[in-house]
Amino acid sequence: MIAPSPNMTAHLIDDDPVLLGLLSFRLQRLCPQLVITQSTEPQAPPGHDFYIIDNDFGGAHSGARLAERIRMASPNAMILVFSSFLDVPLLKRVVNVGADGVFDKREEADIERLLDTVATHCEIGRTEQAPAQRKSLVGEIVGMLQLWNSKLAREENARVL
């Protein structure tokens, strides 16, 4: 188990309360001292270290707008978009508004990467190492975009056949 620095907080935002509970449970097991709050509405109170946000709220795809509002209110927060609706325009937009990562709810590997990302940053805390870690996340995002582009190309090819 990883012991985060004191007072680290995460705010989880998703319209699925069951998923919020499961994600909260898994994060709490990895980072027992992490203070976790939840919201089923696309609202983000400022001041948290982490925001894990869904993109789809009752059919409204508002994740990028929410990420943008969070970045303006909490410029040092880590913003992770976690959704089952991801496409290239959304990926580009969340990267452009300053999200630190994008994860697919439908992929177990992405869920594990999301949990690992939070756990790693809980371990780092608010030390001087954090900016260097954020730079590596940009590289990860670029890699994710490349993977998504190839995945979308495969799906397009499958539709053509």
C-alpha atoms as a PDB file:
ATOM      1  CA  MET A   1       0.000   0.000   0.000  1.00  0.00           C
ATOM      2  CA  ILE A   2       1.075   3.530  -0.735  1.00  0.00           C
ATOM      3  CA  ALA A   3       0.838   6.174   1.956  1.00  0.00           C
ATOM      4  CA  PRO A   4       0.136   9.552   0.341  1.00  0.00           C
ATOM      5  CA  SER A   5       1.224  12.820   1.814  1.00  0.00           C
ATOM      6  CA  PRO A   6      -1.344  14.191   4.287  1.00  0.00           C
ATOM      7  CA  ASN A   7      -4.353  16.109   3.045  1.00  0.00           C
ATOM      8  CA  MET A   8      -4.327  14.860  -0.543  1.00  0.00           C
ATOM      9  CA  THR A   9      -7.855  14.874  -1.925  1.00  0.00           C
ATOM     10  CA  ALA A  10      -9.626  13.439  -4.939  1.00  0.00           C
ATOM     11  CA  HIS A  11     -13.013  14.411  -6.320  1.00  0.00           C
ATOM     12  CA  LEU A  12     -14.741  11.792  -8.488  1.00  0.00           C
ATOM     13  CA  ILE A  13     -17.434  12.995 -10.890  1.00  0.00           C
ATOM     14  CA  ASP A  14     -19.686  10.515 -12.704  1.00  0.00           C
ATOM     15  CA  ASP A  15     -23.436  10.129 -13.095  1.00  0.00           C
ATOM     16  CA  ASP A  16     -23.175   6.419 -12.186  1.00  0.00           C
ATOM     17  CA  PRO A  17     -23.172   6.121  -8.358  1.00  0.00           C
ATOM     18  CA  VAL A  18     -22.236   2.412  -8.496  1.00  0.00           C
ATOM     19  CA  LEU A  19     -19.145   3.166 -10.556  1.00  0.00           C
ATOM     20  CA  LEU A  20     -18.260   6.025  -8.203  1.00  0.00           C
ATOM     21  CA  GLY A  21     -18.431   3.628  -5.269  1.00  0.00           C
ATOM     22  CA  LEU A  22     -16.252   1.013  -6.967  1.00  0.00           C
ATOM     23  CA  LEU A  23     -13.666   3.529  -8.110  1.00  0.00           C
ATOM     24  CA  SER A  24     -13.596   5.134  -4.678  1.00  0.00           C
ATOM     25  CA  PHE A  25     -13.146   1.721  -3.032  1.00  0.00           C
ATOM     26  CA  ARG A  26     -10.252   0.784  -5.313  1.00  0.00           C
ATOM     27  CA  LEU A  27      -8.528   4.142  -4.852  1.00  0.00           C
ATOM     28  CA  GLN A  28      -8.948   3.957  -1.081  1.00  0.00           C
ATOM     29  CA  ARG A  29      -7.283   0.533  -1.041  1.00  0.00           C
ATOM     30  CA  LEU A  30      -4.273   1.903  -2.948  1.00  0.00           C
ATOM     31  CA  CYS A  31      -4.072   5.218  -1.095  1.00  0.00           C
ATOM     32  CA  PRO A  32      -5.670   4.777   2.348  1.00  0.00           C
ATOM     33  CA  GLN A  33      -5.054   8.369   3.464  1.00  0.00           C
ATOM     34  CA  LEU A  34      -6.483   9.909   0.290  1.00  0.00           C
ATOM     35  CA  VAL A  35      -9.633  11.871   1.094  1.00  0.00           C
ATOM     36  CA  ILE A  36     -12.209  11.086  -1.603  1.00  0.00           C
ATOM     37  CA  THR A  37     -15.393  13.003  -2.373  1.00  0.00           C
ATOM     38  CA  GLN A  38     -17.926  12.211  -5.073  1.00  0.00           C
ATOM     39  CA  SER A  39     -20.481  13.960  -7.236  1.00  0.00           C
ATOM     40  CA  THR A  40     -23.078  12.601  -9.653  1.00  0.00           C
ATOM     41  CA  GLU A  41     -23.453  16.057 -11.230  1.00  0.00           C
ATOM     42  CA  PRO A  42     -20.897  17.704 -13.551  1.00  0.00           C
ATOM     43  CA  GLN A  43     -19.751  20.110 -10.849  1.00  0.00           C
ATOM     44  CA  ALA A  44     -16.254  20.410  -9.445  1.00  0.00           C
ATOM     45  CA  PRO A  45     -15.540  22.327  -6.262  1.00  0.00           C
ATOM     46  CA  PRO A  46     -12.032  23.827  -6.432  1.00  0.00           C
ATOM     47  CA  GLY A  47      -9.134  22.831  -4.242  1.00  0.00           C
ATOM     48  CA  HIS A  48      -8.678  19.098  -4.841  1.00  0.00           C
ATOM     49  CA  ASP A  49      -5.422  17.439  -5.845  1.00  0.00           C
ATOM     50  CA  PHE A  50      -7.134  15.011  -8.244  1.00  0.00           C
ATOM     51  CA  TYR A  51     -10.286  15.156 -10.342  1.00  0.00           C
ATOM     52  CA  ILE A  52     -11.508  12.018 -12.062  1.00  0.00           C
ATOM     53  CA  ILE A  53     -14.326  12.979 -14.376  1.00  0.00           C
ATOM     54  CA  ASP A  54     -16.705  11.217 -16.709  1.00  0.00           C
ATOM     55  CA  ASN A  55     -17.454  12.672 -20.134  1.00  0.00           C
ATOM     56  CA  ASP A  56     -21.109  11.674 -20.498  1.00  0.00           C
ATOM     57  CA  PHE A  57     -23.772  13.028 -18.155  1.00  0.00           C
ATOM     58  CA  GLY A  58     -27.204  11.867 -19.273  1.00  0.00           C
ATOM     59  CA  GLY A  59     -26.240  12.035 -22.934  1.00  0.00           C
ATOM     60  CA  ALA A  60     -24.531  15.422 -22.666  1.00  0.00           C
ATOM     61  CA  HIS A  61     -20.849  15.091 -23.465  1.00  0.00           C
ATOM     62  CA  SER A  62     -19.510  17.719 -21.114  1.00  0.00           C
ATOM     63  CA  GLY A  63     -16.213  16.232 -19.917  1.00  0.00           C
ATOM     64  CA  ALA A  64     -13.980  18.627 -21.856  1.00  0.00           C
ATOM     65  CA  ARG A  65     -15.905  21.689 -20.644  1.00  0.00           C
ATOM     66  CA  LEU A  66     -15.743  20.380 -17.091  1.00  0.00           C
ATOM     67  CA  ALA A  67     -11.990  19.700 -17.407  1.00  0.00           C
ATOM     68  CA  GLU A  68     -11.500  23.234 -18.695  1.00  0.00           C
ATOM     69  CA  ARG A  69     -13.406  24.749 -15.735  1.00  0.00           C
ATOM     70  CA  ILE A  70     -11.413  22.608 -13.296  1.00  0.00           C
ATOM     71  CA  ARG A  71      -8.087  23.638 -14.869  1.00  0.00           C
ATOM     72  CA  MET A  72      -9.008  27.322 -14.540  1.00  0.00           C
ATOM     73  CA  ALA A  73     -10.128  26.972 -10.897  1.00  0.00           C
ATOM     74  CA  SER A  74      -7.449  24.473  -9.800  1.00  0.00           C
ATOM     75  CA  PRO A  75      -4.410  24.939 -12.061  1.00  0.00           C
ATOM     76  CA  ASN A  76      -2.197  22.480 -10.163  1.00  0.00           C
ATOM     77  CA  ALA A  77      -4.740  19.675  -9.919  1.00  0.00           C
ATOM     78  CA  MET A  78      -4.378  16.430 -11.814  1.00  0.00           C
ATOM     79  CA  ILE A  79      -7.385  16.024 -14.118  1.00  0.00           C
ATOM     80  CA  LEU A  80      -8.151  12.541 -15.414  1.00  0.00           C
ATOM     81  CA  VAL A  81     -11.026  11.908 -17.825  1.00  0.00           C
ATOM     82  CA  PHE A  82     -12.539   8.442 -17.391  1.00  0.00           C
ATOM     83  CA  SER A  83     -15.296   7.589 -19.842  1.00  0.00           C
ATOM     84  CA  SER A  84     -16.853   4.928 -22.024  1.00  0.00           C
ATOM     85  CA  PHE A  85     -17.399   7.537 -24.739  1.00  0.00           C
ATOM     86  CA  LEU A  86     -14.060   8.528 -26.229  1.00  0.00           C
ATOM     87  CA  ASP A  87     -13.366   9.647 -29.755  1.00  0.00           C
ATOM     88  CA  VAL A  88     -10.602  11.616 -31.450  1.00  0.00           C
ATOM     89  CA  PRO A  89     -12.287  15.062 -31.166  1.00  0.00           C
ATOM     90  CA  LEU A  90     -12.841  14.518 -27.430  1.00  0.00           C
ATOM     91  CA  LEU A  91      -9.265  13.328 -26.907  1.00  0.00           C
ATOM     92  CA  LYS A  92      -7.897  16.381 -28.699  1.00  0.00           C
ATOM     93  CA  ARG A  93     -10.136  18.729 -26.748  1.00  0.00           C
ATOM     94  CA  VAL A  94      -9.343  17.328 -23.284  1.00  0.00           C
ATOM     95  CA  VAL A  95      -5.624  17.428 -24.073  1.00  0.00           C
ATOM     96  CA  ASN A  96      -5.964  21.027 -25.259  1.00  0.00           C
ATOM     97  CA  VAL A  97      -7.808  22.130 -22.107  1.00  0.00           C
ATOM     98  CA  GLY A  98      -5.122  20.605 -19.908  1.00  0.00           C
ATOM     99  CA  ALA A  99      -6.367  17.187 -18.812  1.00  0.00           C
ATOM    100  CA  ASP A 100      -3.513  15.013 -17.574  1.00  0.00           C
ATOM    101  CA  GLY A 101      -4.891  11.717 -18.821  1.00  0.00           C
ATOM    102  CA  VAL A 102      -7.754  10.038 -20.630  1.00  0.00           C
ATOM    103  CA  PHE A 103      -8.915   6.531 -19.784  1.00  0.00           C
ATOM    104  CA  ASP A 104     -11.503   4.177 -21.268  1.00  0.00           C
ATOM    105  CA  LYS A 105     -13.937   2.684 -18.736  1.00  0.00           C
ATOM    106  CA  ARG A 106     -14.452  -0.328 -21.000  1.00  0.00           C
ATOM    107  CA  GLU A 107     -10.778  -1.355 -20.886  1.00  0.00           C
ATOM    108  CA  GLU A 108      -9.468  -3.048 -17.722  1.00  0.00           C
ATOM    109  CA  ALA A 109      -5.917  -2.019 -18.661  1.00  0.00           C
ATOM    110  CA  ASP A 110      -7.023   1.644 -18.738  1.00  0.00           C
ATOM    111  CA  ILE A 111      -8.701   1.297 -15.347  1.00  0.00           C
ATOM    112  CA  GLU A 112      -5.463  -0.094 -13.922  1.00  0.00           C
ATOM    113  CA  ARG A 113      -3.439   2.722 -15.513  1.00  0.00           C
ATOM    114  CA  LEU A 114      -5.798   5.302 -14.007  1.00  0.00           C
ATOM    115  CA  LEU A 115      -5.413   3.752 -10.559  1.00  0.00           C
ATOM    116  CA  ASP A 116      -1.626   3.533 -10.978  1.00  0.00           C
ATOM    117  CA  THR A 117      -1.472   7.181 -12.060  1.00  0.00           C
ATOM    118  CA  VAL A 118      -3.279   8.339  -8.927  1.00  0.00           C
ATOM    119  CA  ALA A 119      -1.278   6.007  -6.678  1.00  0.00           C
ATOM    120  CA  THR A 120       2.009   7.236  -8.139  1.00  0.00           C
ATOM    121  CA  HIS A 121       1.052  10.848  -7.595  1.00  0.00           C
ATOM    122  CA  CYS A 122      -0.133  10.134  -4.070  1.00  0.00           C
ATOM    123  CA  GLU A 123       3.311   8.732  -3.407  1.00  0.00           C
ATOM    124  CA  ILE A 124       5.061  11.729  -4.937  1.00  0.00           C
ATOM    125  CA  GLY A 125       2.836  14.171  -3.098  1.00  0.00           C
ATOM    126  CA  ARG A 126       3.524  17.824  -3.651  1.00  0.00           C
ATOM    127  CA  THR A 127       7.294  17.512  -3.975  1.00  0.00           C
ATOM    128  CA  GLU A 128       9.476  19.078  -6.600  1.00  0.00           C
ATOM    129  CA  GLN A 129       9.286  15.833  -8.594  1.00  0.00           C
ATOM    130  CA  ALA A 130       5.651  16.463  -9.553  1.00  0.00           C
ATOM    131  CA  PRO A 131       6.322  18.767 -12.565  1.00  0.00           C
ATOM    132  CA  ALA A 132       8.698  16.187 -14.085  1.00  0.00           C
ATOM    133  CA  GLN A 133       6.065  13.511 -13.610  1.00  0.00           C
ATOM    134  CA  ARG A 134       3.466  15.694 -15.356  1.00  0.00           C
ATOM    135  CA  LYS A 135       5.810  16.015 -18.346  1.00  0.00           C
ATOM    136  CA  SER A 136       5.946  12.242 -18.642  1.00  0.00           C
ATOM    137  CA  LEU A 137       2.148  12.212 -18.598  1.00  0.00           C
ATOM    138  CA  VAL A 138       2.134  14.405 -21.689  1.00  0.00           C
ATOM    139  CA  GLY A 139       4.190  11.692 -23.380  1.00  0.00           C
ATOM    140  CA  GLU A 140       1.689   9.110 -22.177  1.00  0.00           C
ATOM    141  CA  ILE A 141      -1.184  11.169 -23.589  1.00  0.00           C
ATOM    142  CA  VAL A 142       0.548  11.374 -26.955  1.00  0.00           C
ATOM    143  CA  GLY A 143       0.984   7.597 -26.836  1.00  0.00           C
ATOM    144  CA  MET A 144      -2.696   7.169 -25.941  1.00  0.00           C
ATOM    145  CA  LEU A 145      -3.714   9.359 -28.880  1.00  0.00           C
ATOM    146  CA  GLN A 146      -1.608   7.210 -31.194  1.00  0.00           C
ATOM    147  CA  LEU A 147      -3.203   4.048 -29.784  1.00  0.00           C
ATOM    148  CA  TRP A 148      -6.674   5.541 -30.187  1.00  0.00           C
ATOM    149  CA  ASN A 149      -5.922   6.570 -33.764  1.00  0.00           C
ATOM    150  CA  SER A 150      -4.870   3.028 -34.636  1.00  0.00           C
ATOM    151  CA  LYS A 151      -7.879   1.584 -32.762  1.00  0.00           C
ATOM    152  CA  LEU A 152     -10.264   3.885 -34.634  1.00  0.00           C
ATOM    153  CA  ALA A 153      -8.590   2.990 -37.927  1.00  0.00           C
ATOM    154  CA  ARG A 154      -9.044  -0.738 -37.167  1.00  0.00           C
ATOM    155  CA  GLU A 155     -12.709  -0.156 -36.316  1.00  0.00           C
ATOM    156  CA  GLU A 156     -13.222   1.810 -39.540  1.00  0.00           C
ATOM    157  CA  ASN A 157     -11.566  -0.965 -41.552  1.00  0.00           C
ATOM    158  CA  ALA A 158     -13.783  -3.558 -39.854  1.00  0.00           C
ATOM    159  CA  ARG A 159     -16.883  -1.565 -40.837  1.00  0.00           C
ATOM    160  CA  VAL A 160     -15.738  -1.377 -44.459  1.00  0.00           C
ATOM    161  CA  LEU A 161     -15.247  -5.144 -44.654  1.00  0.00           C
END
